[in-house]
Amino acid sequence: MFYGKDWKGISIQDFILRVDAYIQWYNERRIKMSLGGLSPLEFRSKNMKDKTIA
């Protein structure tokens, strides 16, 4: 997403917004096979539900 992109002409504010969106995607929505095909957010949510039931 960020590698190999020409950032000339992109404002600092726009760059910050794009990096923030990427970090949010990475931390919350990306699918990880090591988490059973869930996103980190889905995995944490499921894990918390399992702990409250037990």
PDB file of N, CA and C in Angstrom:
ATOM      1  N   MET A   1       0.820  -1.192   0.000  1.00  0.00           N
ATOM      2  CA  MET A   1       0.000   0.000   0.000  1.00  0.00           C
ATOM      3  C   MET A   1       0.867   1.261   0.000  1.00  0.00           C
ATOM      4  N   PHE A   2       1.942   1.236   0.787  1.00  0.00           N
ATOM      5  CA  PHE A   2       2.757   2.440   0.897  1.00  0.00           C
ATOM      6  C   PHE A   2       4.069   2.341   0.138  1.00  0.00           C
ATOM      7  N   TYR A   3       4.565   1.109  -0.037  1.00  0.00           N
ATOM      8  CA  TYR A   3       5.840   0.942  -0.716  1.00  0.00           C
ATOM      9  C   TYR A   3       5.672   1.163  -2.210  1.00  0.00           C
ATOM     10  N   GLY A   4       6.641   1.827  -2.803  1.00  0.00           N
ATOM     11  CA  GLY A   4       6.623   2.039  -4.237  1.00  0.00           C
ATOM     12  C   GLY A   4       5.654   3.120  -4.686  1.00  0.00           C
ATOM     13  N   LYS A   5       5.054   3.823  -3.748  1.00  0.00           N
ATOM     14  CA  LYS A   5       4.109   4.890  -4.086  1.00  0.00           C
ATOM     15  C   LYS A   5       4.849   6.216  -4.119  1.00  0.00           C
ATOM     16  N   ASP A   6       4.535   7.019  -5.090  1.00  0.00           N
ATOM     17  CA  ASP A   6       5.115   8.352  -5.192  1.00  0.00           C
ATOM     18  C   ASP A   6       4.293   9.295  -4.311  1.00  0.00           C
ATOM     19  N   TRP A   7       4.892   9.776  -3.249  1.00  0.00           N
ATOM     20  CA  TRP A   7       4.176  10.622  -2.288  1.00  0.00           C
ATOM     21  C   TRP A   7       4.332  12.111  -2.581  1.00  0.00           C
ATOM     22  N   LYS A   8       4.974  12.442  -3.700  1.00  0.00           N
ATOM     23  CA  LYS A   8       5.100  13.855  -4.060  1.00  0.00           C
ATOM     24  C   LYS A   8       3.710  14.414  -4.336  1.00  0.00           C
ATOM     25  N   GLY A   9       3.462  15.592  -3.858  1.00  0.00           N
ATOM     26  CA  GLY A   9       2.167  16.227  -4.085  1.00  0.00           C
ATOM     27  C   GLY A   9       1.102  15.845  -3.069  1.00  0.00           C
ATOM     28  N   ILE A  10       1.438  14.952  -2.128  1.00  0.00           N
ATOM     29  CA  ILE A  10       0.500  14.560  -1.073  1.00  0.00           C
ATOM     30  C   ILE A  10       0.809  15.405   0.156  1.00  0.00           C
ATOM     31  N   SER A  11      -0.211  16.031   0.704  1.00  0.00           N
ATOM     32  CA  SER A  11       0.005  16.875   1.880  1.00  0.00           C
ATOM     33  C   SER A  11       0.318  16.007   3.097  1.00  0.00           C
ATOM     34  N   ILE A  12       0.941  16.594   4.072  1.00  0.00           N
ATOM     35  CA  ILE A  12       1.253  15.885   5.316  1.00  0.00           C
ATOM     36  C   ILE A  12      -0.045  15.393   5.964  1.00  0.00           C
ATOM     37  N   GLN A  13      -1.062  16.227   5.964  1.00  0.00           N
ATOM     38  CA  GLN A  13      -2.347  15.848   6.573  1.00  0.00           C
ATOM     39  C   GLN A  13      -2.945  14.634   5.859  1.00  0.00           C
ATOM     40  N   ASP A  14      -2.916  14.625   4.532  1.00  0.00           N
ATOM     41  CA  ASP A  14      -3.447  13.504   3.769  1.00  0.00           C
ATOM     42  C   ASP A  14      -2.621  12.247   4.036  1.00  0.00           C
ATOM     43  N   PHE A  15      -1.307  12.390   4.114  1.00  0.00           N
ATOM     44  CA  PHE A  15      -0.445  11.254   4.423  1.00  0.00           C
ATOM     45  C   PHE A  15      -0.783  10.673   5.790  1.00  0.00           C
ATOM     46  N   ILE A  16      -0.960  11.532   6.782  1.00  0.00           N
ATOM     47  CA  ILE A  16      -1.299  11.085   8.133  1.00  0.00           C
ATOM     48  C   ILE A  16      -2.634  10.343   8.126  1.00  0.00           C
ATOM     49  N   LEU A  17      -3.610  10.852   7.400  1.00  0.00           N
ATOM     50  CA  LEU A  17      -4.913  10.189   7.320  1.00  0.00           C
ATOM     51  C   LEU A  17      -4.787   8.799   6.684  1.00  0.00           C
ATOM     52  N   ARG A  18      -3.967   8.699   5.649  1.00  0.00           N
ATOM     53  CA  ARG A  18      -3.778   7.401   4.980  1.00  0.00           C
ATOM     54  C   ARG A  18      -3.050   6.405   5.872  1.00  0.00           C
ATOM     55  N   VAL A  19      -2.042   6.873   6.593  1.00  0.00           N
ATOM     56  CA  VAL A  19      -1.326   5.984   7.506  1.00  0.00           C
ATOM     57  C   VAL A  19      -2.256   5.534   8.629  1.00  0.00           C
ATOM     58  N   ASP A  20      -3.054   6.445   9.154  1.00  0.00           N
ATOM     59  CA  ASP A  20      -4.002   6.110  10.209  1.00  0.00           C
ATOM     60  C   ASP A  20      -5.006   5.062   9.726  1.00  0.00           C
ATOM     61  N   ALA A  21      -5.517   5.226   8.515  1.00  0.00           N
ATOM     62  CA  ALA A  21      -6.469   4.254   7.956  1.00  0.00           C
ATOM     63  C   ALA A  21      -5.805   2.886   7.795  1.00  0.00           C
ATOM     64  N   TYR A  22      -4.550   2.869   7.361  1.00  0.00           N
ATOM     65  CA  TYR A  22      -3.824   1.599   7.207  1.00  0.00           C
ATOM     66  C   TYR A  22      -3.627   0.926   8.562  1.00  0.00           C
ATOM     67  N   ILE A  23      -3.231   1.686   9.563  1.00  0.00           N
ATOM     68  CA  ILE A  23      -3.016   1.123  10.896  1.00  0.00           C
ATOM     69  C   ILE A  23      -4.323   0.560  11.446  1.00  0.00           C
ATOM     70  N   GLN A  24      -5.426   1.259  11.246  1.00  0.00           N
ATOM     71  CA  GLN A  24      -6.730   0.774  11.690  1.00  0.00           C
ATOM     72  C   GLN A  24      -7.072  -0.535  10.974  1.00  0.00           C
ATOM     73  N   TRP A  25      -6.864  -0.587   9.664  1.00  0.00           N
ATOM     74  CA  TRP A  25      -7.125  -1.813   8.906  1.00  0.00           C
ATOM     75  C   TRP A  25      -6.252  -2.956   9.432  1.00  0.00           C
ATOM     76  N   TYR A  26      -4.973  -2.677   9.631  1.00  0.00           N
ATOM     77  CA  TYR A  26      -4.022  -3.701  10.066  1.00  0.00           C
ATOM     78  C   TYR A  26      -4.391  -4.243  11.444  1.00  0.00           C
ATOM     79  N   ASN A  27      -4.761  -3.381  12.360  1.00  0.00           N
ATOM     80  CA  ASN A  27      -5.057  -3.787  13.735  1.00  0.00           C
ATOM     81  C   ASN A  27      -6.449  -4.378  13.914  1.00  0.00           C
ATOM     82  N   GLU A  28      -7.391  -4.059  13.010  1.00  0.00           N
ATOM     83  CA  GLU A  28      -8.773  -4.457  13.249  1.00  0.00           C
ATOM     84  C   GLU A  28      -9.381  -5.360  12.186  1.00  0.00           C
ATOM     85  N   ARG A  29      -9.046  -5.183  10.910  1.00  0.00           N
ATOM     86  CA  ARG A  29      -9.816  -5.857   9.868  1.00  0.00           C
ATOM     87  C   ARG A  29      -9.066  -6.886   9.030  1.00  0.00           C
ATOM     88  N   ARG A  30      -7.749  -6.899   9.055  1.00  0.00           N
ATOM     89  CA  ARG A  30      -7.027  -7.841   8.190  1.00  0.00           C
ATOM     90  C   ARG A  30      -7.274  -9.264   8.673  1.00  0.00           C
ATOM     91  N   ILE A  31      -7.349 -10.180   7.736  1.00  0.00           N
ATOM     92  CA  ILE A  31      -7.599 -11.581   8.047  1.00  0.00           C
ATOM     93  C   ILE A  31      -6.267 -12.274   8.322  1.00  0.00           C
ATOM     94  N   LYS A  32      -6.216 -12.996   9.416  1.00  0.00           N
ATOM     95  CA  LYS A  32      -5.007 -13.729   9.799  1.00  0.00           C
ATOM     96  C   LYS A  32      -5.343 -15.209   9.892  1.00  0.00           C
ATOM     97  N   MET A  33      -4.636 -16.020   9.139  1.00  0.00           N
ATOM     98  CA  MET A  33      -4.867 -17.462   9.199  1.00  0.00           C
ATOM     99  C   MET A  33      -4.460 -18.016  10.564  1.00  0.00           C
ATOM    100  N   SER A  34      -3.472 -17.413  11.203  1.00  0.00           N
ATOM    101  CA  SER A  34      -3.047 -17.889  12.526  1.00  0.00           C
ATOM    102  C   SER A  34      -4.101 -17.609  13.593  1.00  0.00           C
ATOM    103  N   LEU A  35      -5.076 -16.762  13.275  1.00  0.00           N
ATOM    104  CA  LEU A  35      -6.184 -16.488  14.195  1.00  0.00           C
ATOM    105  C   LEU A  35      -7.450 -17.207  13.738  1.00  0.00           C
ATOM    106  N   GLY A  36      -7.273 -18.253  12.958  1.00  0.00           N
ATOM    107  CA  GLY A  36      -8.411 -19.034  12.508  1.00  0.00           C
ATOM    108  C   GLY A  36      -9.196 -18.362  11.394  1.00  0.00           C
ATOM    109  N   GLY A  37      -8.558 -17.532  10.610  1.00  0.00           N
ATOM    110  CA  GLY A  37      -9.235 -16.852   9.505  1.00  0.00           C
ATOM    111  C   GLY A  37     -10.053 -15.658   9.955  1.00  0.00           C
ATOM    112  N   LEU A  38      -9.838 -15.203  11.176  1.00  0.00           N
ATOM    113  CA  LEU A  38     -10.552 -14.045  11.715  1.00  0.00           C
ATOM    114  C   LEU A  38      -9.652 -12.818  11.683  1.00  0.00           C
ATOM    115  N   SER A  39     -10.272 -11.674  11.740  1.00  0.00           N
ATOM    116  CA  SER A  39      -9.499 -10.446  11.906  1.00  0.00           C
ATOM    117  C   SER A  39      -9.089 -10.348  13.374  1.00  0.00           C
ATOM    118  N   PRO A  40      -8.073  -9.557  13.700  1.00  0.00           N
ATOM    119  CA  PRO A  40      -7.685  -9.418  15.106  1.00  0.00           C
ATOM    120  C   PRO A  40      -8.847  -8.942  15.987  1.00  0.00           C
ATOM    121  N   LEU A  41      -9.665  -8.037  15.487  1.00  0.00           N
ATOM    122  CA  LEU A  41     -10.799  -7.541  16.262  1.00  0.00           C
ATOM    123  C   LEU A  41     -11.825  -8.648  16.503  1.00  0.00           C
ATOM    124  N   GLU A  42     -12.138  -9.430  15.455  1.00  0.00           N
ATOM    125  CA  GLU A  42     -13.077 -10.545  15.603  1.00  0.00           C
ATOM    126  C   GLU A  42     -12.533 -11.585  16.577  1.00  0.00           C
ATOM    127  N   PHE A  43     -11.235 -11.865  16.484  1.00  0.00           N
ATOM    128  CA  PHE A  43     -10.612 -12.843  17.361  1.00  0.00           C
ATOM    129  C   PHE A  43     -10.692 -12.404  18.819  1.00  0.00           C
ATOM    130  N   ARG A  44     -10.352 -11.154  19.084  1.00  0.00           N
ATOM    131  CA  ARG A  44     -10.422 -10.647  20.464  1.00  0.00           C
ATOM    132  C   ARG A  44     -11.846 -10.675  20.983  1.00  0.00           C
ATOM    133  N   SER A  45     -12.789 -10.284  20.144  1.00  0.00           N
ATOM    134  CA  SER A  45     -14.194 -10.270  20.546  1.00  0.00           C
ATOM    135  C   SER A  45     -14.670 -11.687  20.875  1.00  0.00           C
ATOM    136  N   LYS A  46     -14.346 -12.638  20.016  1.00  0.00           N
ATOM    137  CA  LYS A  46     -14.731 -14.029  20.237  1.00  0.00           C
ATOM    138  C   LYS A  46     -14.056 -14.569  21.491  1.00  0.00           C
ATOM    139  N   ASN A  47     -12.804 -14.255  21.664  1.00  0.00           N
ATOM    140  CA  ASN A  47     -12.047 -14.720  22.818  1.00  0.00           C
ATOM    141  C   ASN A  47     -12.635 -14.179  24.121  1.00  0.00           C
ATOM    142  N   MET A  48     -13.054 -12.925  24.122  1.00  0.00           N
ATOM    143  CA  MET A  48     -13.654 -12.339  25.321  1.00  0.00           C
ATOM    144  C   MET A  48     -14.985 -13.000  25.644  1.00  0.00           C
ATOM    145  N   LYS A  49     -15.791 -13.295  24.605  1.00  0.00           N
ATOM    146  CA  LYS A  49     -17.072 -13.968  24.824  1.00  0.00           C
ATOM    147  C   LYS A  49     -16.854 -15.353  25.404  1.00  0.00           C
ATOM    148  N   ASP A  50     -15.860 -16.076  24.872  1.00  0.00           N
ATOM    149  CA  ASP A  50     -15.563 -17.421  25.368  1.00  0.00           C
ATOM    150  C   ASP A  50     -15.131 -17.391  26.829  1.00  0.00           C
ATOM    151  N   LYS A  51     -14.386 -16.381  27.230  1.00  0.00           N
ATOM    152  CA  LYS A  51     -13.911 -16.277  28.606  1.00  0.00           C
ATOM    153  C   LYS A  51     -15.041 -15.938  29.572  1.00  0.00           C
ATOM    154  N   THR A  52     -16.020 -15.135  29.123  1.00  0.00           N
ATOM    155  CA  THR A  52     -17.121 -14.769  30.000  1.00  0.00           C
ATOM    156  C   THR A  52     -18.108 -15.912  30.157  1.00  0.00           C
ATOM    157  N   ILE A  53     -18.176 -16.807  29.173  1.00  0.00           N
ATOM    158  CA  ILE A  53     -19.073 -17.949  29.242  1.00  0.00           C
ATOM    159  C   ILE A  53     -18.501 -19.020  30.166  1.00  0.00           C
ATOM    160  N   ALA A  54     -17.185 -19.186  30.160  1.00  0.00           N
ATOM    161  CA  ALA A  54     -16.527 -20.247  30.930  1.00  0.00           C
ATOM    162  C   ALA A  54     -16.524 -19.986  32.390  1.00  0.00           C
TER     163      ALA A  54
END
